[in-house]
Amino acid sequence: MTESETGRERAKPIRLSRHARENALYRGSTEEEILETIRTGFWEAAQDERWECRKNFAYREEWNG
């Protein structure tokens, strides 16, 4: 029985670019938060036929202090 026949499909692996990882540090987020957002966040249409995804996380530190 194939994955399609069982109704379960494997998700493609998510790979972050170096640019994305560097921006995550600057923005105070972790790679795990980014992956969770991609998998479970709210997706909406953005400019130029692109998509954006959002999810809020608690930040329990002083921001850029």
Protein backbone atom coordinates (compact mmCIF):
# COMPACT_ATOMS: atom_id res chain seq x y z
CA MET A 1 0.00 0.00 0.00
CA THR A 2 1.44 3.40 -0.97
CA GLU A 3 1.37 6.56 1.15
CA SER A 4 -1.31 8.01 -1.15
CA GLU A 5 -3.51 4.92 -0.69
CA THR A 6 -3.37 5.21 3.10
CA GLY A 7 -4.25 8.92 2.99
CA ARG A 8 -0.96 9.89 4.62
CA GLU A 9 1.59 11.85 2.68
CA ARG A 10 5.04 12.75 3.86
CA ALA A 11 5.75 16.44 4.08
CA LYS A 12 8.72 17.83 2.24
CA PRO A 13 11.68 18.63 4.47
CA ILE A 14 11.95 22.30 5.40
CA ARG A 15 15.39 23.82 4.84
CA LEU A 16 16.20 27.33 5.97
CA SER A 17 18.64 29.44 4.04
CA ARG A 18 21.60 31.06 5.78
CA HIS A 19 19.83 34.40 5.32
CA ALA A 20 16.72 33.08 7.11
CA ARG A 21 18.78 31.68 10.00
CA GLU A 22 20.66 34.99 10.38
CA ASN A 23 17.41 36.97 10.38
CA ALA A 24 15.95 34.62 13.00
CA LEU A 25 18.74 35.55 15.41
CA TYR A 26 18.22 39.25 14.76
CA ARG A 27 14.45 38.94 15.28
CA GLY A 28 14.77 36.90 18.47
CA SER A 29 13.26 33.68 17.13
CA THR A 30 14.53 30.14 16.97
CA GLU A 31 14.67 27.69 14.09
CA GLU A 32 12.16 25.51 15.95
CA GLU A 33 9.69 28.42 16.12
CA ILE A 34 10.09 29.05 12.40
CA LEU A 35 9.43 25.39 11.57
CA GLU A 36 6.39 25.31 13.85
CA THR A 37 5.06 28.46 12.20
CA ILE A 38 5.46 26.98 8.73
CA ARG A 39 3.66 23.82 9.80
CA THR A 40 0.86 25.28 11.95
CA GLY A 41 0.72 29.06 11.41
CA PHE A 42 -1.87 31.20 9.66
CA TRP A 43 -1.16 31.52 5.92
CA GLU A 44 -2.40 34.41 3.80
CA ALA A 45 -1.76 35.87 0.37
CA ALA A 46 1.02 38.47 0.16
CA GLN A 47 2.24 40.72 -2.65
CA ASP A 48 3.31 39.44 -6.06
CA GLU A 49 1.49 36.09 -5.81
CA ARG A 50 3.48 35.09 -2.72
CA TRP A 51 2.32 33.73 0.61
CA GLU A 52 3.17 34.75 4.17
CA CYS A 53 2.74 32.88 7.39
CA ARG A 54 2.29 34.26 10.91
CA LYS A 55 2.23 32.94 14.43
CA ASN A 56 2.79 34.73 17.74
CA PHE A 57 5.15 33.39 20.38
CA ALA A 58 5.78 34.70 23.88
CA TYR A 59 9.14 36.46 24.21
CA ARG A 60 10.16 36.33 27.83
CA GLU A 61 13.23 38.56 27.59
CA GLU A 62 13.96 42.24 27.20
CA TRP A 63 13.72 43.08 23.49
CA ASN A 64 16.93 44.51 22.02
CA GLY A 65 17.85 45.88 25.45
